[in-house]
Structures are given as structure tokens and as C-alpha cells.
PDB file of all heavy atoms in Angstrom:
ATOM      1  N   HIS A   1     171.556 123.682 149.568  1.00  0.00           N
ATOM      2  CA  HIS A   1     170.434 123.029 150.260  1.00  0.00           C
ATOM      3  C   HIS A   1     169.134 123.753 149.936  1.00  0.00           C
ATOM      4  O   HIS A   1     169.055 124.974 150.058  1.00  0.00           O
ATOM      5  CB  HIS A   1     170.695 123.046 151.770  1.00  0.00           C
ATOM      6  CG  HIS A   1     169.628 122.403 152.564  1.00  0.00           C
ATOM      7  ND1 HIS A   1     169.396 121.048 152.535  1.00  0.00           N
ATOM      8  CD2 HIS A   1     168.713 122.914 153.398  1.00  0.00           C
ATOM      9  CE1 HIS A   1     168.389 120.757 153.332  1.00  0.00           C
ATOM     10  NE2 HIS A   1     167.958 121.881 153.868  1.00  0.00           N
ATOM     11  N   THR A   2     168.129 123.004 149.501  1.00  0.00           N
ATOM     12  CA  THR A   2     166.783 123.529 149.286  1.00  0.00           C
ATOM     13  C   THR A   2     165.828 122.623 150.052  1.00  0.00           C
ATOM     14  O   THR A   2     166.220 121.547 150.510  1.00  0.00           O
ATOM     15  CB  THR A   2     166.416 123.547 147.785  1.00  0.00           C
ATOM     16  OG1 THR A   2     166.261 122.205 147.328  1.00  0.00           O
ATOM     17  CG2 THR A   2     167.477 124.260 146.952  1.00  0.00           C
ATOM     18  N   PRO A   3     164.560 122.996 150.186  1.00  0.00           N
ATOM     19  CA  PRO A   3     163.633 122.152 150.961  1.00  0.00           C
ATOM     20  C   PRO A   3     163.461 120.722 150.422  1.00  0.00           C
ATOM     21  O   PRO A   3     163.322 119.793 151.191  1.00  0.00           O
ATOM     22  CB  PRO A   3     162.313 122.922 150.884  1.00  0.00           C
ATOM     23  CG  PRO A   3     162.720 124.338 150.688  1.00  0.00           C
ATOM     24  CD  PRO A   3     163.953 124.282 149.832  1.00  0.00           C
ATOM     25  N   GLY A   4     163.522 120.511 149.108  1.00  0.00           N
ATOM     26  CA  GLY A   4     163.259 119.188 148.564  1.00  0.00           C
ATOM     27  C   GLY A   4     164.471 118.419 148.084  1.00  0.00           C
ATOM     28  O   GLY A   4     164.369 117.235 147.763  1.00  0.00           O
ATOM     29  N   GLU A   5     165.612 119.081 148.016  1.00  0.00           N
ATOM     30  CA  GLU A   5     166.818 118.384 147.597  1.00  0.00           C
ATOM     31  C   GLU A   5     168.051 119.173 148.011  1.00  0.00           C
ATOM     32  O   GLU A   5     168.003 120.372 148.239  1.00  0.00           O
ATOM     33  CB  GLU A   5     166.835 118.112 146.084  1.00  0.00           C
ATOM     34  CG  GLU A   5     166.965 119.318 145.210  1.00  0.00           C
ATOM     35  CD  GLU A   5     166.894 118.960 143.731  1.00  0.00           C
ATOM     36  OE1 GLU A   5     167.738 118.171 143.252  1.00  0.00           O
ATOM     37  OE2 GLU A   5     165.999 119.468 143.064  1.00  0.00           O
ATOM     38  N   THR A   6     169.138 118.442 148.115  1.00  0.00           N
ATOM     39  CA  THR A   6     170.449 119.043 148.364  1.00  0.00           C
ATOM     40  C   THR A   6     171.288 118.719 147.144  1.00  0.00           C
ATOM     41  O   THR A   6     171.312 117.576 146.682  1.00  0.00           O
ATOM     42  CB  THR A   6     171.074 118.473 149.650  1.00  0.00           C
ATOM     43  OG1 THR A   6     170.228 118.824 150.747  1.00  0.00           O
ATOM     44  CG2 THR A   6     172.461 119.020 149.882  1.00  0.00           C
ATOM     45  N   VAL A   7     171.962 119.724 146.616  1.00  0.00           N
ATOM     46  CA  VAL A   7     172.736 119.557 145.388  1.00  0.00           C
ATOM     47  C   VAL A   7     174.207 119.785 145.690  1.00  0.00           C
ATOM     48  O   VAL A   7     174.572 120.756 146.354  1.00  0.00           O
ATOM     49  CB  VAL A   7     172.252 120.546 144.300  1.00  0.00           C
ATOM     50  CG1 VAL A   7     173.091 120.393 143.032  1.00  0.00           C
ATOM     51  CG2 VAL A   7     170.775 120.323 143.996  1.00  0.00           C
ATOM     52  N   PHE A   8     175.030 118.869 145.228  1.00  0.00           N
ATOM     53  CA  PHE A   8     176.479 118.991 145.327  1.00  0.00           C
ATOM     54  C   PHE A   8     176.982 119.437 143.956  1.00  0.00           C
ATOM     55  O   PHE A   8     176.680 118.786 142.943  1.00  0.00           O
ATOM     56  CB  PHE A   8     177.117 117.652 145.688  1.00  0.00           C
ATOM     57  CG  PHE A   8     176.874 117.194 147.088  1.00  0.00           C
ATOM     58  CD1 PHE A   8     175.618 116.778 147.508  1.00  0.00           C
ATOM     59  CD2 PHE A   8     177.921 117.158 148.001  1.00  0.00           C
ATOM     60  CE1 PHE A   8     175.401 116.347 148.804  1.00  0.00           C
ATOM     61  CE2 PHE A   8     177.713 116.723 149.299  1.00  0.00           C
ATOM     62  CZ  PHE A   8     176.451 116.325 149.708  1.00  0.00           C
ATOM     63  N   LEU A   9     177.733 120.517 143.926  1.00  0.00           N
ATOM     64  CA  LEU A   9     178.366 120.989 142.700  1.00  0.00           C
ATOM     65  C   LEU A   9     179.859 120.713 142.820  1.00  0.00           C
ATOM     66  O   LEU A   9     180.499 121.214 143.744  1.00  0.00           O
ATOM     67  CB  LEU A   9     178.127 122.482 142.501  1.00  0.00           C
ATOM     68  CG  LEU A   9     176.679 122.940 142.404  1.00  0.00           C
ATOM     69  CD1 LEU A   9     176.612 124.451 142.324  1.00  0.00           C
ATOM     70  CD2 LEU A   9     175.994 122.305 141.204  1.00  0.00           C
ATOM     71  N   TYR A  10     180.391 119.934 141.913  1.00  0.00           N
ATOM     72  CA  TYR A  10     181.784 119.505 141.994  1.00  0.00           C
ATOM     73  C   TYR A  10     182.619 120.140 140.879  1.00  0.00           C
ATOM     74  O   TYR A  10     182.203 120.160 139.719  1.00  0.00           O
ATOM     75  CB  TYR A  10     181.904 117.986 141.834  1.00  0.00           C
ATOM     76  CG  TYR A  10     181.228 117.188 142.904  1.00  0.00           C
ATOM     77  CD1 TYR A  10     179.955 116.664 142.715  1.00  0.00           C
ATOM     78  CD2 TYR A  10     181.873 116.932 144.107  1.00  0.00           C
ATOM     79  CE1 TYR A  10     179.343 115.903 143.706  1.00  0.00           C
ATOM     80  CE2 TYR A  10     181.269 116.170 145.094  1.00  0.00           C
ATOM     81  CZ  TYR A  10     179.999 115.664 144.884  1.00  0.00           C
ATOM     82  OH  TYR A  10     179.394 114.911 145.852  1.00  0.00           O
ATOM     83  N   GLU A  11     183.793 120.613 141.243  1.00  0.00           N
ATOM     84  CA  GLU A  11     184.797 120.993 140.255  1.00  0.00           C
ATOM     85  C   GLU A  11     185.675 119.765 140.073  1.00  0.00           C
ATOM     86  O   GLU A  11     186.217 119.235 141.037  1.00  0.00           O
ATOM     87  CB  GLU A  11     185.626 122.161 140.773  1.00  0.00           C
ATOM     88  CG  GLU A  11     186.746 122.589 139.865  1.00  0.00           C
ATOM     89  CD  GLU A  11     187.574 123.707 140.471  1.00  0.00           C
ATOM     90  OE1 GLU A  11     187.013 124.681 140.993  1.00  0.00           O
ATOM     91  OE2 GLU A  11     188.820 123.571 140.432  1.00  0.00           O
ATOM     92  N   SER A  12     185.803 119.300 138.848  1.00  0.00           N
ATOM     93  CA  SER A  12     186.627 118.114 138.622  1.00  0.00           C
ATOM     94  C   SER A  12     187.448 118.301 137.351  1.00  0.00           C
ATOM     95  O   SER A  12     187.204 119.222 136.576  1.00  0.00           O
ATOM     96  CB  SER A  12     185.761 116.855 138.522  1.00  0.00           C
ATOM     97  OG  SER A  12     185.131 116.778 137.270  1.00  0.00           O
ATOM     98  N   LEU A  13     188.377 117.410 137.140  1.00  0.00           N
ATOM     99  CA  LEU A  13     189.226 117.481 135.951  1.00  0.00           C
ATOM    100  C   LEU A  13     188.456 117.204 134.671  1.00  0.00           C
ATOM    101  O   LEU A  13     188.934 117.498 133.582  1.00  0.00           O
ATOM    102  CB  LEU A  13     190.395 116.508 136.085  1.00  0.00           C
ATOM    103  CG  LEU A  13     191.351 116.793 137.235  1.00  0.00           C
ATOM    104  CD1 LEU A  13     192.382 115.689 137.346  1.00  0.00           C
ATOM    105  CD2 LEU A  13     192.021 118.146 137.055  1.00  0.00           C
ATOM    106  N   VAL A  14     187.265 116.637 134.790  1.00  0.00           N
ATOM    107  CA  VAL A  14     186.457 116.345 133.609  1.00  0.00           C
ATOM    108  C   VAL A  14     185.339 117.364 133.428  1.00  0.00           C
ATOM    109  O   VAL A  14     184.448 117.163 132.625  1.00  0.00           O
ATOM    110  CB  VAL A  14     185.886 114.909 133.657  1.00  0.00           C
ATOM    111  CG1 VAL A  14     187.007 113.902 133.691  1.00  0.00           C
ATOM    112  CG2 VAL A  14     184.949 114.715 134.828  1.00  0.00           C
ATOM    113  N   GLY A  15     185.370 118.443 134.169  1.00  0.00           N
ATOM    114  CA  GLY A  15     184.362 119.486 134.042  1.00  0.00           C
ATOM    115  C   GLY A  15     183.477 119.556 135.279  1.00  0.00           C
ATOM    116  O   GLY A  15     183.662 118.830 136.251  1.00  0.00           O
ATOM    117  N   MET A  16     182.539 120.448 135.224  1.00  0.00           N
ATOM    118  CA  MET A  16     181.598 120.617 136.339  1.00  0.00           C
ATOM    119  C   MET A  16     180.636 119.431 136.371  1.00  0.00           C
ATOM    120  O   MET A  16     180.107 119.019 135.344  1.00  0.00           O
ATOM    121  CB  MET A  16     180.818 121.917 136.176  1.00  0.00           C
ATOM    122  CG  MET A  16     181.696 123.157 136.219  1.00  0.00           C
ATOM    123  SD  MET A  16     182.398 123.465 137.837  1.00  0.00           S
ATOM    124  CE  MET A  16     180.971 123.956 138.723  1.00  0.00           C
ATOM    125  N   ILE A  17     180.431 118.893 137.539  1.00  0.00           N
ATOM    126  CA  ILE A  17     179.542 117.749 137.730  1.00  0.00           C
ATOM    127  C   ILE A  17     178.615 118.081 138.890  1.00  0.00           C
ATOM    128  O   ILE A  17     179.028 118.690 139.874  1.00  0.00           O
ATOM    129  CB  ILE A  17     180.350 116.471 138.060  1.00  0.00           C
ATOM    130  CG1 ILE A  17     181.303 116.132 136.921  1.00  0.00           C
ATOM    131  CG2 ILE A  17     179.422 115.296 138.330  1.00  0.00           C
ATOM    132  CD1 ILE A  17     182.256 115.012 137.246  1.00  0.00           C
ATOM    133  N   PHE A  18     177.369 117.668 138.785  1.00  0.00           N
ATOM    134  CA  PHE A  18     176.436 117.895 139.887  1.00  0.00           C
ATOM    135  C   PHE A  18     175.857 116.565 140.357  1.00  0.00           C
ATOM    136  O   PHE A  18     175.836 115.581 139.623  1.00  0.00           O
ATOM    137  CB  PHE A  18     175.297 118.839 139.471  1.00  0.00           C
ATOM    138  CG  PHE A  18     174.369 118.249 138.444  1.00  0.00           C
ATOM    139  CD1 PHE A  18     173.238 117.549 138.830  1.00  0.00           C
ATOM    140  CD2 PHE A  18     174.639 118.390 137.089  1.00  0.00           C
ATOM    141  CE1 PHE A  18     172.387 116.998 137.888  1.00  0.00           C
ATOM    142  CE2 PHE A  18     173.801 117.843 136.141  1.00  0.00           C
ATOM    143  CZ  PHE A  18     172.671 117.141 136.542  1.00  0.00           C
ATOM    144  N   ARG A  19     175.393 116.593 141.580  1.00  0.00           N
ATOM    145  CA  ARG A  19     174.773 115.410 142.187  1.00  0.00           C
ATOM    146  C   ARG A  19     173.538 115.865 142.940  1.00  0.00           C
ATOM    147  O   ARG A  19     173.602 116.766 143.768  1.00  0.00           O
ATOM    148  CB  ARG A  19     175.766 114.756 143.136  1.00  0.00           C
ATOM    149  CG  ARG A  19     175.235 113.538 143.855  1.00  0.00           C
ATOM    150  CD  ARG A  19     176.322 113.001 144.770  1.00  0.00           C
ATOM    151  NE  ARG A  19     175.892 111.844 145.497  1.00  0.00           N
ATOM    152  CZ  ARG A  19     176.465 111.406 146.597  1.00  0.00           C
ATOM    153  NH1 ARG A  19     177.528 112.036 147.086  1.00  0.00           N
ATOM    154  NH2 ARG A  19     176.021 110.343 147.228  1.00  0.00           N
ATOM    155  N   GLN A  20     172.412 115.247 142.657  1.00  0.00           N
ATOM    156  CA  GLN A  20     171.167 115.558 143.344  1.00  0.00           C
ATOM    157  C   GLN A  20     170.938 114.557 144.457  1.00  0.00           C
ATOM    158  O   GLN A  20     171.021 113.354 144.234  1.00  0.00           O
ATOM    159  CB  GLN A  20     169.982 115.479 142.380  1.00  0.00           C
ATOM    160  CG  GLN A  20     170.079 116.430 141.215  1.00  0.00           C
ATOM    161  CD  GLN A  20     168.942 116.187 140.249  1.00  0.00           C
ATOM    162  OE1 GLN A  20     167.937 116.864 140.313  1.00  0.00           O
ATOM    163  NE2 GLN A  20     169.118 115.225 139.362  1.00  0.00           N
ATOM    164  N   VAL A  21     170.634 115.052 145.643  1.00  0.00           N
ATOM    165  CA  VAL A  21     170.272 114.205 146.765  1.00  0.00           C
ATOM    166  C   VAL A  21     168.852 114.635 147.150  1.00  0.00           C
ATOM    167  O   VAL A  21     168.646 115.734 147.659  1.00  0.00           O
ATOM    168  CB  VAL A  21     171.237 114.381 147.953  1.00  0.00           C
ATOM    169  CG1 VAL A  21     170.794 113.524 149.126  1.00  0.00           C
ATOM    170  CG2 VAL A  21     172.666 114.052 147.540  1.00  0.00           C
ATOM    171  N   PHE A  22     167.892 113.783 146.872  1.00  0.00           N
ATOM    172  CA  PHE A  22     166.499 114.124 147.135  1.00  0.00           C
ATOM    173  C   PHE A  22     166.192 113.982 148.623  1.00  0.00           C
ATOM    174  O   PHE A  22     166.483 112.956 149.231  1.00  0.00           O
ATOM    175  CB  PHE A  22     165.573 113.248 146.291  1.00  0.00           C
ATOM    176  CG  PHE A  22     165.770 113.466 144.817  1.00  0.00           C
ATOM    177  CD1 PHE A  22     166.511 112.576 144.068  1.00  0.00           C
ATOM    178  CD2 PHE A  22     165.248 114.586 144.201  1.00  0.00           C
ATOM    179  CE1 PHE A  22     166.713 112.781 142.713  1.00  0.00           C
ATOM    180  CE2 PHE A  22     165.445 114.813 142.852  1.00  0.00           C
ATOM    181  CZ  PHE A  22     166.184 113.906 142.101  1.00  0.00           C
ATOM    182  N   THR A  23     165.614 115.026 149.189  1.00  0.00           N
ATOM    183  CA  THR A  23     165.307 115.056 150.626  1.00  0.00           C
ATOM    184  C   THR A  23     163.817 115.239 150.865  1.00  0.00           C
ATOM    185  O   THR A  23     163.408 115.688 151.930  1.00  0.00           O
ATOM    186  CB  THR A  23     166.098 116.187 151.306  1.00  0.00           C
ATOM    187  OG1 THR A  23     165.802 117.419 150.651  1.00  0.00           O
ATOM    188  CG2 THR A  23     167.590 115.927 151.267  1.00  0.00           C
ATOM    189  N   ASP A  24     163.007 114.879 149.888  1.00  0.00           N
ATOM    190  CA  ASP A  24     161.557 115.066 149.990  1.00  0.00           C
ATOM    191  C   ASP A  24     160.831 113.844 150.534  1.00  0.00           C
ATOM    192  O   ASP A  24     159.611 113.758 150.499  1.00  0.00           O
ATOM    193  CB  ASP A  24     160.986 115.471 148.638  1.00  0.00           C
ATOM    194  CG  ASP A  24     161.291 114.464 147.531  1.00  0.00           C
ATOM    195  OD1 ASP A  24     161.902 113.402 147.827  1.00  0.00           O
ATOM    196  OD2 ASP A  24     160.944 114.736 146.373  1.00  0.00           O
ATOM    197  N   GLY A  25     161.572 112.872 151.049  1.00  0.00           N
ATOM    198  CA  GLY A  25     160.947 111.701 151.662  1.00  0.00           C
ATOM    199  C   GLY A  25     160.760 110.519 150.735  1.00  0.00           C
ATOM    200  O   GLY A  25     160.284 109.469 151.166  1.00  0.00           O
ATOM    201  N   ARG A  26     161.115 110.651 149.491  1.00  0.00           N
ATOM    202  CA  ARG A  26     160.939 109.533 148.556  1.00  0.00           C
ATOM    203  C   ARG A  26     161.909 108.394 148.906  1.00  0.00           C
ATOM    204  O   ARG A  26     162.980 108.642 149.451  1.00  0.00           O
ATOM    205  CB  ARG A  26     161.164 109.979 147.110  1.00  0.00           C
ATOM    206  CG  ARG A  26     162.610 110.289 146.798  1.00  0.00           C
ATOM    207  CD  ARG A  26     162.811 110.754 145.373  1.00  0.00           C
ATOM    208  NE  ARG A  26     162.275 112.088 145.187  1.00  0.00           N
ATOM    209  CZ  ARG A  26     162.263 112.713 144.030  1.00  0.00           C
ATOM    210  NH1 ARG A  26     162.764 112.149 142.960  1.00  0.00           N
ATOM    211  NH2 ARG A  26     161.756 113.918 143.937  1.00  0.00           N
ATOM    212  N   PRO A  27     161.540 107.155 148.576  1.00  0.00           N
ATOM    213  CA  PRO A  27     162.456 106.028 148.809  1.00  0.00           C
ATOM    214  C   PRO A  27     163.439 105.906 147.649  1.00  0.00           C
ATOM    215  O   PRO A  27     163.250 106.503 146.583  1.00  0.00           O
ATOM    216  CB  PRO A  27     161.521 104.824 148.843  1.00  0.00           C
ATOM    217  CG  PRO A  27     160.401 105.216 147.924  1.00  0.00           C
ATOM    218  CD  PRO A  27     160.229 106.711 148.106  1.00  0.00           C
ATOM    219  N   LEU A  28     164.473 105.112 147.863  1.00  0.00           N
ATOM    220  CA  LEU A  28     165.374 104.783 146.758  1.00  0.00           C
ATOM    221  C   LEU A  28     164.596 103.948 145.744  1.00  0.00           C
ATOM    222  O   LEU A  28     163.818 103.071 146.131  1.00  0.00           O
ATOM    223  CB  LEU A  28     166.577 103.991 147.260  1.00  0.00           C
ATOM    224  CG  LEU A  28     167.654 104.775 147.988  1.00  0.00           C
ATOM    225  CD1 LEU A  28     168.635 103.839 148.685  1.00  0.00           C
ATOM    226  CD2 LEU A  28     168.389 105.699 147.034  1.00  0.00           C
ATOM    227  N   PRO A  29     164.783 104.185 144.460  1.00  0.00           N
ATOM    228  CA  PRO A  29     164.072 103.380 143.461  1.00  0.00           C
ATOM    229  C   PRO A  29     164.598 101.951 143.432  1.00  0.00           C
ATOM    230  O   PRO A  29     165.757 101.696 143.746  1.00  0.00           O
ATOM    231  CB  PRO A  29     164.351 104.111 142.147  1.00  0.00           C
ATOM    232  CG  PRO A  29     165.593 104.882 142.388  1.00  0.00           C
ATOM    233  CD  PRO A  29     165.620 105.209 143.855  1.00  0.00           C
ATOM    234  N   ALA A  30     163.737 101.025 143.021  1.00  0.00           N
ATOM    235  CA  ALA A  30     164.123  99.617 142.964  1.00  0.00           C
ATOM    236  C   ALA A  30     165.189  99.375 141.898  1.00  0.00           C
ATOM    237  O   ALA A  30     166.125  98.611 142.107  1.00  0.00           O
ATOM    238  CB  ALA A  30     162.895  98.753 142.697  1.00  0.00           C
ATOM    239  N   ASN A  31     165.055 100.008 140.748  1.00  0.00           N
ATOM    240  CA  ASN A  31     165.994  99.811 139.638  1.00  0.00           C
ATOM    241  C   ASN A  31     166.362 101.153 139.010  1.00  0.00           C
ATOM    242  O   ASN A  31     165.918 101.460 137.909  1.00  0.00           O
ATOM    243  CB  ASN A  31     165.386  98.887 138.565  1.00  0.00           C
ATOM    244  CG  ASN A  31     165.181  97.485 139.076  1.00  0.00           C
ATOM    245  OD1 ASN A  31     166.124  96.863 139.548  1.00  0.00           O
ATOM    246  ND2 ASN A  31     163.958  96.994 139.002  1.00  0.00           N
ATOM    247  N   PRO A  32     167.198 101.928 139.672  1.00  0.00           N
ATOM    248  CA  PRO A  32     167.556 103.222 139.096  1.00  0.00           C
ATOM    249  C   PRO A  32     168.437 103.073 137.858  1.00  0.00           C
ATOM    250  O   PRO A  32     169.142 102.075 137.704  1.00  0.00           O
ATOM    251  CB  PRO A  32     168.325 103.913 140.226  1.00  0.00           C
ATOM    252  CG  PRO A  32     168.867 102.792 141.044  1.00  0.00           C
ATOM    253  CD  PRO A  32     167.860 101.680 140.942  1.00  0.00           C
ATOM    254  N   GLU A  33     168.369 104.052 136.990  1.00  0.00           N
ATOM    255  CA  GLU A  33     169.242 104.089 135.815  1.00  0.00           C
ATOM    256  C   GLU A  33     170.683 104.231 136.303  1.00  0.00           C
ATOM    257  O   GLU A  33     170.993 105.148 137.065  1.00  0.00           O
ATOM    258  CB  GLU A  33     168.870 105.286 134.935  1.00  0.00           C
ATOM    259  CG  GLU A  33     169.643 105.385 133.651  1.00  0.00           C
ATOM    260  CD  GLU A  33     169.309 104.278 132.658  1.00  0.00           C
ATOM    261  OE1 GLU A  33     168.175 103.781 132.668  1.00  0.00           O
ATOM    262  OE2 GLU A  33     170.203 103.923 131.872  1.00  0.00           O
ATOM    263  N   PRO A  34     171.593 103.332 135.920  1.00  0.00           N
ATOM    264  CA  PRO A  34     172.977 103.432 136.400  1.00  0.00           C
ATOM    265  C   PRO A  34     173.638 104.756 135.987  1.00  0.00           C
ATOM    266  O   PRO A  34     173.472 105.215 134.862  1.00  0.00           O
ATOM    267  CB  PRO A  34     173.674 102.251 135.729  1.00  0.00           C
ATOM    268  CG  PRO A  34     172.578 101.302 135.376  1.00  0.00           C
ATOM    269  CD  PRO A  34     171.386 102.164 135.071  1.00  0.00           C
ATOM    270  N   ALA A  35     174.354 105.350 136.919  1.00  0.00           N
ATOM    271  CA  ALA A  35     175.049 106.616 136.679  1.00  0.00           C
ATOM    272  C   ALA A  35     176.320 106.636 137.520  1.00  0.00           C
ATOM    273  O   ALA A  35     176.419 105.940 138.530  1.00  0.00           O
ATOM    274  CB  ALA A  35     174.149 107.795 137.043  1.00  0.00           C
ATOM    275  N   TRP A  36     177.290 107.440 137.124  1.00  0.00           N
ATOM    276  CA  TRP A  36     178.560 107.510 137.851  1.00  0.00           C
ATOM    277  C   TRP A  36     178.360 107.953 139.294  1.00  0.00           C
ATOM    278  O   TRP A  36     179.082 107.510 140.181  1.00  0.00           O
ATOM    279  CB  TRP A  36     179.535 108.449 137.148  1.00  0.00           C
ATOM    280  CG  TRP A  36     180.064 107.883 135.880  1.00  0.00           C
ATOM    281  CD1 TRP A  36     179.715 108.244 134.610  1.00  0.00           C
ATOM    282  CD2 TRP A  36     181.020 106.822 135.739  1.00  0.00           C
ATOM    283  NE1 TRP A  36     180.392 107.468 133.698  1.00  0.00           N
ATOM    284  CE2 TRP A  36     181.210 106.592 134.354  1.00  0.00           C
ATOM    285  CE3 TRP A  36     181.733 106.042 136.637  1.00  0.00           C
ATOM    286  CZ2 TRP A  36     182.076 105.627 133.866  1.00  0.00           C
ATOM    287  CZ3 TRP A  36     182.608 105.080 136.143  1.00  0.00           C
ATOM    288  CH2 TRP A  36     182.767 104.883 134.784  1.00  0.00           C
ATOM    289  N   LEU A  37     177.389 108.827 139.542  1.00  0.00           N
ATOM    290  CA  LEU A  37     177.139 109.299 140.906  1.00  0.00           C
ATOM    291  C   LEU A  37     175.899 108.650 141.508  1.00  0.00           C
ATOM    292  O   LEU A  37     175.482 108.995 142.615  1.00  0.00           O
ATOM    293  CB  LEU A  37     177.020 110.826 140.926  1.00  0.00           C
ATOM    294  CG  LEU A  37     178.248 111.568 140.396  1.00  0.00           C
ATOM    295  CD1 LEU A  37     178.040 113.072 140.489  1.00  0.00           C
ATOM    296  CD2 LEU A  37     179.524 111.159 141.111  1.00  0.00           C
TER     297      LEU A  37
END
């Protein structure tokens, strides 16, 4: 956890994966680039 984002670090069978969760007040984008997470 940091002031502007929370990051999840995952151990998985396909390697290390991270996920950014922005907590700086921004809205969800209208058309985000598709990604597994």
C-alpha cells in the first residue's frame, strides 16, 4: 500500500505477476487497454 496506489504481487505458475490498483481518486477509463488483470 502506498498513498497513490495499492499493488498486489502474485506468485503464480506462470511467474510473478503484479496488479496496480490506483487509489488517487481517478475514475475508471472509458476504454482501457484489455489485460488479464
